[in-house]
N, C-alpha and C. Protein backbone atom coordinates (compact mmCIF):
# COMPACT_ATOMS: atom_id res chain seq x y z
N MET A 1 -27.74 -30.00 1.90
CA MET A 1 -26.68 -29.69 2.87
C MET A 1 -27.37 -29.20 4.15
N ASN A 2 -26.97 -29.76 5.28
CA ASN A 2 -27.60 -29.33 6.52
C ASN A 2 -27.03 -27.99 6.97
N LYS A 3 -27.69 -27.38 7.95
CA LYS A 3 -27.31 -26.03 8.40
C LYS A 3 -25.90 -26.00 9.00
N LEU A 4 -25.52 -27.03 9.75
CA LEU A 4 -24.19 -27.06 10.36
C LEU A 4 -23.10 -27.12 9.30
N ALA A 5 -23.31 -27.94 8.27
CA ALA A 5 -22.32 -28.04 7.19
C ALA A 5 -22.22 -26.73 6.44
N ALA A 6 -23.35 -26.08 6.20
CA ALA A 6 -23.34 -24.80 5.49
C ALA A 6 -22.63 -23.73 6.32
N LEU A 7 -22.88 -23.73 7.62
CA LEU A 7 -22.23 -22.76 8.50
C LEU A 7 -20.72 -23.00 8.55
N THR A 8 -20.32 -24.26 8.62
CA THR A 8 -18.90 -24.61 8.63
C THR A 8 -18.23 -24.17 7.33
N LEU A 9 -18.87 -24.43 6.21
CA LEU A 9 -18.33 -24.03 4.91
C LEU A 9 -18.21 -22.51 4.82
N ALA A 10 -19.21 -21.80 5.28
CA ALA A 10 -19.17 -20.32 5.25
C ALA A 10 -18.04 -19.80 6.13
N THR A 11 -17.84 -20.40 7.29
CA THR A 11 -16.76 -19.98 8.18
C THR A 11 -15.41 -20.22 7.54
N LEU A 12 -15.24 -21.39 6.93
CA LEU A 12 -13.97 -21.71 6.27
C LEU A 12 -13.69 -20.75 5.13
N LEU A 13 -14.69 -20.45 4.33
CA LEU A 13 -14.50 -19.51 3.22
C LEU A 13 -14.17 -18.13 3.73
N SER A 14 -14.85 -17.69 4.78
CA SER A 14 -14.59 -16.37 5.35
C SER A 14 -13.17 -16.29 5.90
N THR A 15 -12.74 -17.33 6.60
CA THR A 15 -11.38 -17.35 7.15
C THR A 15 -10.37 -17.35 6.03
N SER A 16 -10.62 -18.10 4.98
CA SER A 16 -9.70 -18.15 3.85
C SER A 16 -9.59 -16.80 3.17
N LEU A 17 -10.71 -16.13 2.98
CA LEU A 17 -10.69 -14.81 2.34
C LEU A 17 -9.99 -13.79 3.21
N SER A 18 -10.17 -13.87 4.53
CA SER A 18 -9.49 -12.94 5.43
C SER A 18 -8.00 -13.14 5.38
N ALA A 19 -7.55 -14.39 5.35
CA ALA A 19 -6.12 -14.68 5.29
C ALA A 19 -5.54 -14.18 3.98
N GLN A 20 -6.29 -14.36 2.90
CA GLN A 20 -5.81 -13.90 1.60
C GLN A 20 -5.71 -12.38 1.58
N ALA A 21 -6.69 -11.70 2.19
CA ALA A 21 -6.70 -10.24 2.19
C ALA A 21 -5.54 -9.68 3.00
N ALA A 22 -5.03 -10.45 3.96
CA ALA A 22 -3.94 -9.96 4.79
C ALA A 22 -2.65 -9.83 4.00
N GLY A 23 -2.46 -10.60 2.97
CA GLY A 23 -1.25 -10.52 2.16
C GLY A 23 -0.07 -11.22 2.78
N ASP A 24 0.97 -11.35 2.02
CA ASP A 24 2.20 -12.02 2.41
C ASP A 24 3.32 -10.99 2.39
N ALA A 25 3.79 -10.62 3.56
CA ALA A 25 4.80 -9.56 3.66
C ALA A 25 6.10 -9.93 2.95
N GLN A 26 6.49 -11.20 2.98
CA GLN A 26 7.72 -11.60 2.28
C GLN A 26 7.57 -11.44 0.77
N ALA A 27 6.42 -11.81 0.25
CA ALA A 27 6.17 -11.61 -1.18
C ALA A 27 6.08 -10.11 -1.48
N GLY A 28 5.52 -9.35 -0.54
CA GLY A 28 5.42 -7.90 -0.71
C GLY A 28 6.77 -7.22 -0.74
N GLU A 29 7.73 -7.77 -0.01
CA GLU A 29 9.09 -7.22 -0.04
C GLU A 29 9.68 -7.34 -1.45
N LYS A 30 9.39 -8.44 -2.11
CA LYS A 30 9.88 -8.62 -3.49
C LYS A 30 9.22 -7.63 -4.43
N VAL A 31 7.93 -7.40 -4.24
CA VAL A 31 7.22 -6.41 -5.06
C VAL A 31 7.81 -5.03 -4.82
N PHE A 32 8.04 -4.70 -3.55
CA PHE A 32 8.62 -3.39 -3.21
C PHE A 32 9.98 -3.21 -3.88
N LYS A 33 10.83 -4.22 -3.74
CA LYS A 33 12.17 -4.11 -4.31
C LYS A 33 12.13 -3.94 -5.82
N ARG A 34 11.20 -4.64 -6.46
CA ARG A 34 11.12 -4.60 -7.92
C ARG A 34 10.46 -3.33 -8.44
N LEU A 35 9.42 -2.87 -7.77
CA LEU A 35 8.62 -1.77 -8.33
C LEU A 35 8.76 -0.43 -7.61
N CYS A 36 9.16 -0.43 -6.35
CA CYS A 36 9.09 0.79 -5.55
C CYS A 36 10.45 1.33 -5.12
N SER A 37 11.41 0.43 -4.90
CA SER A 37 12.66 0.84 -4.27
C SER A 37 13.54 1.74 -5.14
N GLY A 38 13.24 1.86 -6.39
CA GLY A 38 13.99 2.79 -7.23
C GLY A 38 13.75 4.24 -6.84
N CYS A 39 12.62 4.50 -6.19
CA CYS A 39 12.26 5.87 -5.80
C CYS A 39 12.00 6.03 -4.31
N HIS A 40 11.61 4.97 -3.63
CA HIS A 40 11.22 5.05 -2.23
C HIS A 40 12.12 4.18 -1.37
N GLN A 41 12.33 4.64 -0.14
CA GLN A 41 13.06 3.84 0.85
C GLN A 41 12.12 3.53 2.00
N ILE A 42 12.44 2.45 2.70
CA ILE A 42 11.66 2.04 3.87
C ILE A 42 12.61 1.35 4.83
N GLY A 43 12.33 1.46 6.10
CA GLY A 43 13.18 0.82 7.09
C GLY A 43 13.83 1.83 8.01
N GLU A 44 14.67 1.33 8.90
CA GLU A 44 15.25 2.14 9.95
C GLU A 44 16.02 3.37 9.44
N SER A 45 16.76 3.23 8.37
CA SER A 45 17.55 4.37 7.88
C SER A 45 16.93 5.03 6.65
N ALA A 46 15.65 4.82 6.43
CA ALA A 46 14.97 5.37 5.25
C ALA A 46 14.97 6.89 5.26
N ARG A 47 15.13 7.44 4.07
CA ARG A 47 15.04 8.88 3.89
C ARG A 47 14.39 9.12 2.53
N ALA A 48 14.04 10.36 2.28
CA ALA A 48 13.47 10.70 0.98
C ALA A 48 14.51 10.47 -0.11
N PHE A 49 14.03 10.08 -1.26
CA PHE A 49 14.89 9.82 -2.41
C PHE A 49 14.20 10.52 -3.58
N PHE A 50 13.87 9.83 -4.64
CA PHE A 50 13.06 10.44 -5.70
C PHE A 50 11.61 10.55 -5.26
N GLY A 51 11.26 9.81 -4.21
CA GLY A 51 9.95 9.87 -3.59
C GLY A 51 10.14 9.88 -2.09
N PRO A 52 9.08 10.12 -1.34
CA PRO A 52 9.21 10.15 0.12
C PRO A 52 9.49 8.76 0.69
N GLN A 53 10.09 8.72 1.88
CA GLN A 53 10.26 7.44 2.57
C GLN A 53 8.86 6.96 2.97
N LEU A 54 8.71 5.65 3.10
CA LEU A 54 7.38 5.10 3.31
C LEU A 54 7.14 4.47 4.68
N ASN A 55 8.00 4.73 5.64
CA ASN A 55 7.74 4.23 6.99
C ASN A 55 6.44 4.83 7.52
N GLY A 56 5.58 3.99 8.06
CA GLY A 56 4.33 4.47 8.64
C GLY A 56 3.35 5.01 7.62
N ILE A 57 3.48 4.60 6.36
CA ILE A 57 2.60 5.13 5.31
C ILE A 57 1.14 4.77 5.56
N VAL A 58 0.87 3.59 6.09
CA VAL A 58 -0.52 3.18 6.32
C VAL A 58 -1.08 3.99 7.48
N GLY A 59 -2.08 4.81 7.19
CA GLY A 59 -2.69 5.67 8.18
C GLY A 59 -2.14 7.09 8.19
N ARG A 60 -1.08 7.33 7.43
CA ARG A 60 -0.46 8.65 7.40
C ARG A 60 -1.22 9.58 6.45
N HIS A 61 -1.19 10.86 6.72
CA HIS A 61 -1.76 11.85 5.80
C HIS A 61 -0.79 12.05 4.63
N SER A 62 -1.32 12.42 3.50
CA SER A 62 -0.48 12.66 2.32
C SER A 62 0.34 13.93 2.51
N ALA A 63 1.51 13.92 1.91
CA ALA A 63 2.39 15.10 1.83
C ALA A 63 2.80 15.66 3.18
N VAL A 64 3.13 14.80 4.14
CA VAL A 64 3.49 15.29 5.47
C VAL A 64 4.94 15.05 5.89
N THR A 65 5.67 14.19 5.21
CA THR A 65 7.05 13.99 5.64
C THR A 65 7.83 15.26 5.35
N THR A 66 8.74 15.59 6.23
CA THR A 66 9.44 16.87 6.14
C THR A 66 10.69 16.83 5.27
N ASP A 67 11.13 15.65 4.89
CA ASP A 67 12.37 15.55 4.11
C ASP A 67 12.12 15.35 2.62
N TYR A 68 10.92 15.65 2.16
CA TYR A 68 10.59 15.48 0.74
C TYR A 68 9.79 16.69 0.27
N VAL A 69 10.05 17.14 -0.94
CA VAL A 69 9.31 18.26 -1.53
C VAL A 69 8.22 17.67 -2.42
N TYR A 70 6.98 17.78 -1.96
CA TYR A 70 5.84 17.20 -2.66
C TYR A 70 5.34 18.10 -3.78
N SER A 71 4.71 17.48 -4.77
CA SER A 71 4.08 18.25 -5.85
C SER A 71 2.89 19.02 -5.29
N ASP A 72 2.50 20.07 -5.98
CA ASP A 72 1.32 20.83 -5.57
C ASP A 72 0.08 19.93 -5.56
N ALA A 73 0.02 19.01 -6.52
CA ALA A 73 -1.13 18.09 -6.59
C ALA A 73 -1.21 17.23 -5.34
N MET A 74 -0.08 16.71 -4.89
CA MET A 74 -0.09 15.87 -3.69
C MET A 74 -0.37 16.70 -2.45
N LYS A 75 0.16 17.91 -2.40
CA LYS A 75 -0.10 18.79 -1.25
C LYS A 75 -1.58 19.09 -1.11
N SER A 76 -2.25 19.30 -2.21
CA SER A 76 -3.66 19.67 -2.16
C SER A 76 -4.59 18.45 -2.13
N ALA A 77 -4.05 17.25 -2.29
CA ALA A 77 -4.89 16.04 -2.33
C ALA A 77 -5.58 15.78 -1.00
N ASN A 78 -4.91 16.10 0.12
CA ASN A 78 -5.48 15.93 1.45
C ASN A 78 -6.04 14.52 1.65
N LEU A 79 -5.20 13.53 1.46
CA LEU A 79 -5.60 12.13 1.61
C LEU A 79 -5.07 11.57 2.92
N VAL A 80 -5.70 10.51 3.36
CA VAL A 80 -5.15 9.66 4.41
C VAL A 80 -4.87 8.34 3.72
N TRP A 81 -3.65 7.86 3.86
CA TRP A 81 -3.25 6.62 3.18
C TRP A 81 -3.77 5.41 3.94
N ASP A 82 -5.08 5.24 3.93
CA ASP A 82 -5.66 4.04 4.51
C ASP A 82 -5.63 2.94 3.45
N ARG A 83 -6.09 1.78 3.81
CA ARG A 83 -6.02 0.62 2.92
C ARG A 83 -6.69 0.88 1.57
N ASP A 84 -7.91 1.40 1.58
CA ASP A 84 -8.64 1.62 0.33
C ASP A 84 -7.97 2.67 -0.55
N THR A 85 -7.48 3.75 0.08
CA THR A 85 -6.82 4.80 -0.69
C THR A 85 -5.51 4.29 -1.29
N LEU A 86 -4.75 3.52 -0.52
CA LEU A 86 -3.50 2.96 -1.04
C LEU A 86 -3.76 2.00 -2.20
N ILE A 87 -4.79 1.18 -2.07
CA ILE A 87 -5.13 0.25 -3.16
C ILE A 87 -5.46 1.04 -4.43
N ALA A 88 -6.33 2.03 -4.29
CA ALA A 88 -6.72 2.84 -5.45
C ALA A 88 -5.50 3.53 -6.06
N TYR A 89 -4.63 4.07 -5.20
CA TYR A 89 -3.45 4.79 -5.69
C TYR A 89 -2.48 3.84 -6.37
N LEU A 90 -2.27 2.67 -5.80
CA LEU A 90 -1.37 1.70 -6.42
C LEU A 90 -1.91 1.20 -7.75
N GLU A 91 -3.22 1.14 -7.87
CA GLU A 91 -3.82 0.71 -9.14
C GLU A 91 -3.72 1.80 -10.21
N ALA A 92 -3.91 3.04 -9.83
CA ALA A 92 -3.92 4.14 -10.81
C ALA A 92 -3.58 5.46 -10.13
N PRO A 93 -2.29 5.72 -9.90
CA PRO A 93 -1.89 6.93 -9.18
C PRO A 93 -2.45 8.23 -9.75
N LYS A 94 -2.42 8.36 -11.06
CA LYS A 94 -2.83 9.62 -11.68
C LYS A 94 -4.34 9.83 -11.64
N LYS A 95 -5.11 8.77 -11.42
CA LYS A 95 -6.55 8.93 -11.23
C LYS A 95 -6.86 9.42 -9.83
N VAL A 96 -6.10 8.94 -8.84
CA VAL A 96 -6.34 9.33 -7.46
C VAL A 96 -5.80 10.73 -7.18
N VAL A 97 -4.62 11.03 -7.73
CA VAL A 97 -4.02 12.35 -7.55
C VAL A 97 -3.60 12.87 -8.93
N PRO A 98 -4.54 13.47 -9.67
CA PRO A 98 -4.17 14.03 -10.97
C PRO A 98 -3.07 15.07 -10.79
N GLY A 99 -2.03 14.95 -11.59
CA GLY A 99 -0.91 15.89 -11.50
C GLY A 99 0.22 15.40 -10.61
N THR A 100 0.08 14.20 -10.04
CA THR A 100 1.16 13.67 -9.23
C THR A 100 2.42 13.51 -10.07
N ARG A 101 3.57 13.67 -9.43
CA ARG A 101 4.84 13.47 -10.14
C ARG A 101 5.26 12.01 -10.15
N MET A 102 4.55 11.17 -9.42
CA MET A 102 4.92 9.76 -9.33
C MET A 102 4.85 9.13 -10.72
N ILE A 103 5.99 8.59 -11.14
CA ILE A 103 6.07 7.96 -12.45
C ILE A 103 5.87 6.47 -12.27
N PHE A 104 4.63 6.06 -12.22
CA PHE A 104 4.27 4.67 -12.03
C PHE A 104 2.92 4.47 -12.70
N TRP A 105 2.83 3.52 -13.60
CA TRP A 105 1.60 3.32 -14.37
C TRP A 105 0.51 2.65 -13.58
N GLY A 106 0.87 1.96 -12.51
CA GLY A 106 -0.12 1.29 -11.68
C GLY A 106 0.12 -0.21 -11.64
N LEU A 107 -0.49 -0.83 -10.69
CA LEU A 107 -0.36 -2.26 -10.45
C LEU A 107 -1.76 -2.85 -10.47
N ASP A 108 -2.01 -3.78 -11.38
CA ASP A 108 -3.37 -4.30 -11.52
C ASP A 108 -3.54 -5.71 -10.95
N ASP A 109 -2.58 -6.20 -10.21
CA ASP A 109 -2.66 -7.53 -9.62
C ASP A 109 -3.05 -7.40 -8.14
N PRO A 110 -4.30 -7.75 -7.79
CA PRO A 110 -4.75 -7.59 -6.40
C PRO A 110 -3.89 -8.35 -5.40
N GLU A 111 -3.39 -9.50 -5.76
CA GLU A 111 -2.55 -10.27 -4.83
C GLU A 111 -1.23 -9.54 -4.55
N LYS A 112 -0.62 -8.97 -5.58
CA LYS A 112 0.62 -8.21 -5.38
C LYS A 112 0.36 -6.96 -4.54
N ILE A 113 -0.77 -6.32 -4.74
CA ILE A 113 -1.12 -5.14 -3.94
C ILE A 113 -1.28 -5.54 -2.48
N GLU A 114 -2.01 -6.62 -2.22
CA GLU A 114 -2.20 -7.10 -0.85
C GLU A 114 -0.85 -7.42 -0.21
N ASN A 115 0.02 -8.08 -0.96
CA ASN A 115 1.34 -8.43 -0.44
C ASN A 115 2.16 -7.17 -0.13
N LEU A 116 2.11 -6.22 -1.04
CA LEU A 116 2.84 -4.97 -0.84
C LEU A 116 2.32 -4.23 0.40
N LEU A 117 1.01 -4.18 0.58
CA LEU A 117 0.44 -3.53 1.76
C LEU A 117 0.86 -4.26 3.04
N ALA A 118 0.89 -5.58 3.00
CA ALA A 118 1.33 -6.35 4.17
C ALA A 118 2.78 -6.00 4.51
N TYR A 119 3.62 -5.86 3.49
CA TYR A 119 5.02 -5.49 3.71
C TYR A 119 5.13 -4.07 4.27
N LEU A 120 4.43 -3.12 3.68
CA LEU A 120 4.49 -1.74 4.14
C LEU A 120 4.04 -1.60 5.59
N GLN A 121 3.08 -2.42 5.99
CA GLN A 121 2.56 -2.34 7.35
C GLN A 121 3.58 -2.82 8.39
N THR A 122 4.63 -3.47 7.95
CA THR A 122 5.63 -3.96 8.90
C THR A 122 6.60 -2.84 9.31
N PHE A 123 6.47 -1.66 8.73
CA PHE A 123 7.37 -0.54 9.02
C PHE A 123 6.60 0.63 9.62
N PRO A 124 6.64 0.75 10.94
CA PRO A 124 5.94 1.88 11.58
C PRO A 124 6.70 3.18 11.33
N ALA A 125 6.05 4.27 11.64
CA ALA A 125 6.70 5.58 11.51
C ALA A 125 7.93 5.62 12.41
N GLN A 126 8.97 6.29 11.93
CA GLN A 126 10.23 6.38 12.69
C GLN A 126 10.24 7.63 13.54
C-alpha cells in the first residue's frame, strides 16, 4: 500500500471514529426516556424530581442545582460532569460516587452512552 492510500485510509478511519464518538442525539432521547426520565427531567420546564434536572449537566459541578436535595456522598464527591466522568458514572454510579442515592445499576453499552451524552448536550443550563 502506498503512503497516500495509507494516509487516506487513516483519515477515513479517524473521521469515522470521531463521528461515532459524537453519538446520535435522537437515539439518545430514546435512551433518556427509557432509562432516565423516571427520575430526571430535561428541557425548558425541567425541575428536580426524584433526581436533579439535567439541563447543562455537561461541564456542571456535582450537587449544585438549588432545587434538589443531594446525598452527602454526592455533595462531597466534588466532581465536574465532563465527558469522561459522565461515562464512568453512567457505567457504574456507585463506583464513581459510593453512597449515591441514584438507583441505577449502570449502562454497559458504549453506543447508548454516546447517544445519551449527545442528547444531554443539546440542553444548555437554563
